[in-house]
Amino acid sequence: MLSFLILSCLVLPHLSCSFFHWFLRFLYTLFEIIFELIVVFLFLL
């Protein structure tokens, strides 16, 4: 999946790269939310 995105990023720069950047941003946001929830949970304990 990841290699396909990178490959299509090279073939179709505009569409796939923007999707790839969106996907990375989504993953980063998700990770950040999970991390904050863990910190809050540990703080409450």
N, C-alpha and C. Protein backbone atom coordinates (compact mmCIF):
# COMPACT_ATOMS: atom_id res chain seq x y z
N MET A 1 0.84 -1.21 0.00
CA MET A 1 0.00 0.00 0.00
C MET A 1 0.88 1.25 0.00
N LEU A 2 1.85 1.28 0.89
CA LEU A 2 2.72 2.44 0.99
C LEU A 2 3.58 2.60 -0.25
N SER A 3 4.13 1.49 -0.73
CA SER A 3 4.96 1.55 -1.94
C SER A 3 4.12 1.95 -3.15
N PHE A 4 2.87 1.51 -3.16
CA PHE A 4 1.97 1.90 -4.24
C PHE A 4 1.73 3.40 -4.22
N LEU A 5 1.56 3.96 -3.04
CA LEU A 5 1.35 5.40 -2.92
C LEU A 5 2.58 6.18 -3.37
N ILE A 6 3.74 5.69 -2.98
CA ILE A 6 4.98 6.36 -3.37
C ILE A 6 5.18 6.26 -4.88
N LEU A 7 4.90 5.09 -5.44
CA LEU A 7 5.05 4.87 -6.88
C LEU A 7 4.09 5.77 -7.66
N SER A 8 2.83 5.80 -7.24
CA SER A 8 1.85 6.65 -7.92
C SER A 8 2.16 8.12 -7.69
N CYS A 9 2.85 8.41 -6.59
CA CYS A 9 3.28 9.78 -6.31
C CYS A 9 4.29 10.22 -7.37
N LEU A 10 5.13 9.30 -7.82
CA LEU A 10 6.10 9.61 -8.86
C LEU A 10 5.43 9.69 -10.23
N VAL A 11 4.44 8.83 -10.44
CA VAL A 11 3.77 8.80 -11.74
C VAL A 11 2.78 9.95 -11.88
N LEU A 12 1.96 10.13 -10.87
CA LEU A 12 0.93 11.17 -10.89
C LEU A 12 1.17 12.14 -9.73
N PRO A 13 2.06 13.10 -9.90
CA PRO A 13 2.51 13.93 -8.79
C PRO A 13 1.39 14.66 -8.03
N HIS A 14 0.53 15.34 -8.75
CA HIS A 14 -0.42 16.23 -8.08
C HIS A 14 -1.44 15.46 -7.24
N LEU A 15 -2.12 14.54 -7.87
CA LEU A 15 -3.21 13.83 -7.20
C LEU A 15 -2.69 12.96 -6.06
N SER A 16 -1.74 12.10 -6.36
CA SER A 16 -1.29 11.11 -5.39
C SER A 16 -0.48 11.72 -4.26
N CYS A 17 0.32 12.71 -4.56
CA CYS A 17 1.12 13.33 -3.51
C CYS A 17 0.24 14.07 -2.53
N SER A 18 -0.78 14.72 -3.00
CA SER A 18 -1.68 15.42 -2.09
C SER A 18 -2.42 14.41 -1.22
N PHE A 19 -2.80 13.27 -1.84
CA PHE A 19 -3.45 12.22 -1.06
C PHE A 19 -2.47 11.64 -0.04
N PHE A 20 -1.24 11.45 -0.47
CA PHE A 20 -0.20 10.89 0.40
C PHE A 20 0.08 11.82 1.58
N HIS A 21 0.14 13.11 1.30
CA HIS A 21 0.34 14.09 2.37
C HIS A 21 -0.86 14.12 3.31
N TRP A 22 -2.05 14.02 2.75
CA TRP A 22 -3.26 13.98 3.57
C TRP A 22 -3.26 12.74 4.46
N PHE A 23 -2.83 11.62 3.88
CA PHE A 23 -2.78 10.35 4.61
C PHE A 23 -1.78 10.43 5.77
N LEU A 24 -0.62 11.02 5.52
CA LEU A 24 0.39 11.19 6.56
C LEU A 24 -0.11 12.11 7.66
N ARG A 25 -0.77 13.16 7.27
CA ARG A 25 -1.32 14.11 8.25
C ARG A 25 -2.40 13.44 9.10
N PHE A 26 -3.21 12.60 8.45
CA PHE A 26 -4.25 11.86 9.16
C PHE A 26 -3.63 10.91 10.19
N LEU A 27 -2.59 10.18 9.78
CA LEU A 27 -1.90 9.26 10.69
C LEU A 27 -1.28 10.02 11.86
N TYR A 28 -0.67 11.14 11.56
CA TYR A 28 -0.02 11.95 12.59
C TYR A 28 -1.06 12.47 13.60
N THR A 29 -2.18 12.93 13.09
CA THR A 29 -3.25 13.43 13.96
C THR A 29 -3.81 12.32 14.84
N LEU A 30 -4.00 11.16 14.23
CA LEU A 30 -4.50 10.01 14.96
C LEU A 30 -3.54 9.62 16.08
N PHE A 31 -2.27 9.58 15.76
CA PHE A 31 -1.24 9.24 16.75
C PHE A 31 -1.22 10.26 17.89
N GLU A 32 -1.35 11.52 17.54
CA GLU A 32 -1.34 12.59 18.53
C GLU A 32 -2.53 12.47 19.48
N ILE A 33 -3.69 12.19 18.94
CA ILE A 33 -4.90 12.03 19.76
C ILE A 33 -4.75 10.85 20.72
N ILE A 34 -4.26 9.72 20.20
CA ILE A 34 -4.06 8.53 21.02
C ILE A 34 -3.05 8.81 22.13
N PHE A 35 -1.97 9.48 21.76
CA PHE A 35 -0.93 9.81 22.74
C PHE A 35 -1.49 10.70 23.86
N GLU A 36 -2.26 11.69 23.49
CA GLU A 36 -2.85 12.58 24.48
C GLU A 36 -3.84 11.86 25.38
N LEU A 37 -4.60 10.94 24.81
CA LEU A 37 -5.53 10.15 25.61
C LEU A 37 -4.79 9.28 26.63
N ILE A 38 -3.67 8.71 26.21
CA ILE A 38 -2.86 7.88 27.11
C ILE A 38 -2.29 8.73 28.25
N VAL A 39 -1.80 9.91 27.90
CA VAL A 39 -1.24 10.81 28.91
C VAL A 39 -2.31 11.23 29.92
N VAL A 40 -3.48 11.58 29.43
CA VAL A 40 -4.59 11.97 30.31
C VAL A 40 -5.01 10.80 31.20
N PHE A 41 -5.06 9.62 30.60
CA PHE A 41 -5.45 8.42 31.36
C PHE A 41 -4.45 8.13 32.48
N LEU A 42 -3.18 8.23 32.16
CA LEU A 42 -2.13 8.00 33.16
C LEU A 42 -2.16 9.07 34.24
N PHE A 43 -2.46 10.28 33.84
CA PHE A 43 -2.55 11.38 34.80
C PHE A 43 -3.71 11.17 35.77
N LEU A 44 -4.82 10.65 35.26
CA LEU A 44 -5.99 10.40 36.10
C LEU A 44 -5.75 9.24 37.06
N LEU A 45 -4.91 8.31 36.67
CA LEU A 45 -4.58 7.21 37.57
C LEU A 45 -3.69 7.71 38.71
